[in-house]
Amino acid sequence: MAAPSAEELRERLERRLGAELVVEAAGACPGSFRLLVVSASFRGRRLLERHRLVNEALGEELGRIHALEQRTLTPEQWREESGRDLQQSA
């Protein structure tokens, strides 16, 4: 079974988590991804809970992914880190 595309992951995370910003970079092989997910859904949640939300949102695509690295931030954390609002990043 073929690995999902970066666009498939982006769409699923936007739809299921209301992710406001998702940046993917494929790794060395087609099934490797590095994600930065910014979502209000992460407010008040610990890191492990955030990663579980991402994994659940990816659903069946997760089984087609070889390697997944993820950073999960709230919009406020993104703004503090980057100095930019989400609208300026798109």
Protein backbone atom coordinates (compact mmCIF):
# COMPACT_ATOMS: atom_id res chain seq x y z
CA MET A 1 0.00 0.00 0.00
CA ALA A 2 1.38 3.38 -1.01
CA ALA A 3 2.28 6.05 1.51
CA PRO A 4 -0.11 9.01 1.78
CA SER A 5 0.87 12.32 0.22
CA ALA A 6 1.72 15.39 2.27
CA GLU A 7 -1.44 17.01 0.91
CA GLU A 8 -3.59 14.11 2.16
CA LEU A 9 -2.14 14.53 5.64
CA ARG A 10 -2.67 18.30 5.54
CA GLU A 11 -6.31 17.96 4.51
CA ARG A 12 -7.07 15.33 7.14
CA LEU A 13 -5.47 17.35 9.96
CA GLU A 14 -7.23 20.54 8.87
CA ARG A 15 -10.58 18.74 8.72
CA ARG A 16 -10.30 16.63 11.87
CA LEU A 17 -8.34 18.94 14.20
CA GLY A 18 -9.24 22.30 12.78
CA ALA A 19 -5.49 22.73 12.30
CA GLU A 20 -4.76 26.29 11.35
CA LEU A 21 -1.29 25.61 10.03
CA VAL A 22 0.29 22.37 8.98
CA VAL A 23 3.72 22.20 7.38
CA GLU A 24 5.01 18.89 6.10
CA ALA A 25 8.41 17.96 4.85
CA ALA A 26 8.93 14.50 3.44
CA GLY A 27 11.90 12.67 4.83
CA ALA A 28 14.36 10.37 3.12
CA CYS A 29 11.65 7.97 1.94
CA PRO A 30 8.13 8.64 0.65
CA GLY A 31 6.53 7.38 3.88
CA SER A 32 8.46 9.73 6.19
CA PHE A 33 6.98 13.02 7.35
CA ARG A 34 7.85 15.89 9.65
CA LEU A 35 4.79 17.85 10.78
CA LEU A 36 4.27 21.16 12.50
CA VAL A 37 0.64 21.29 13.59
CA VAL A 38 -0.82 24.44 15.09
CA SER A 39 -4.31 23.99 16.48
CA ALA A 40 -6.52 25.50 19.15
CA SER A 41 -7.46 21.88 19.96
CA PHE A 42 -4.13 21.61 21.78
CA ARG A 43 -4.92 24.25 24.40
CA GLY A 44 -4.65 22.81 27.91
CA ARG A 45 -3.32 19.46 26.68
CA ARG A 46 0.01 17.85 27.45
CA LEU A 47 2.43 16.86 24.71
CA LEU A 48 1.44 13.18 24.73
CA GLU A 49 -2.25 14.08 24.48
CA ARG A 50 -1.52 16.38 21.53
CA HIS A 51 0.39 13.66 19.71
CA ARG A 52 -2.42 11.19 20.34
CA LEU A 53 -4.88 13.68 18.83
CA VAL A 54 -2.72 13.93 15.71
CA ASN A 55 -2.36 10.15 15.48
CA GLU A 56 -6.13 9.69 15.87
CA ALA A 57 -6.82 12.39 13.27
CA LEU A 58 -4.54 10.64 10.78
CA GLY A 59 -6.48 7.41 11.32
CA GLU A 60 -5.85 4.76 8.70
CA GLU A 61 -3.17 6.89 7.00
CA LEU A 62 -0.99 6.30 10.07
CA GLY A 63 -0.62 2.65 9.03
CA ARG A 64 0.83 3.75 5.69
CA ILE A 65 3.43 6.07 7.24
CA HIS A 66 6.95 4.76 7.79
CA ALA A 67 8.20 7.54 10.09
CA LEU A 68 6.41 10.51 11.64
CA GLU A 69 7.95 13.39 13.55
CA GLN A 70 5.53 15.93 14.94
CA ARG A 71 5.58 19.27 16.71
CA THR A 72 2.28 20.41 18.14
CA LEU A 73 1.65 24.01 19.16
CA THR A 74 -1.28 26.17 20.14
CA PRO A 75 -1.78 29.35 18.10
CA GLU A 76 -0.41 31.31 21.06
CA GLN A 77 2.75 29.19 21.21
CA TRP A 78 3.21 29.63 17.46
CA ARG A 79 2.87 33.40 17.77
CA GLU A 80 5.35 33.51 20.66
CA GLU A 81 7.89 31.33 18.82
CA SER A 82 7.63 32.82 15.37
CA GLY A 83 6.59 36.38 16.16
CA ARG A 84 3.88 36.05 13.48
CA ASP A 85 0.17 35.43 13.41
CA LEU A 86 -1.07 32.40 11.49
CA GLN A 87 -2.49 34.57 8.72
CA GLN A 88 0.98 35.97 8.06
CA SER A 89 2.41 32.45 7.73
CA ALA A 90 0.10 31.12 5.06
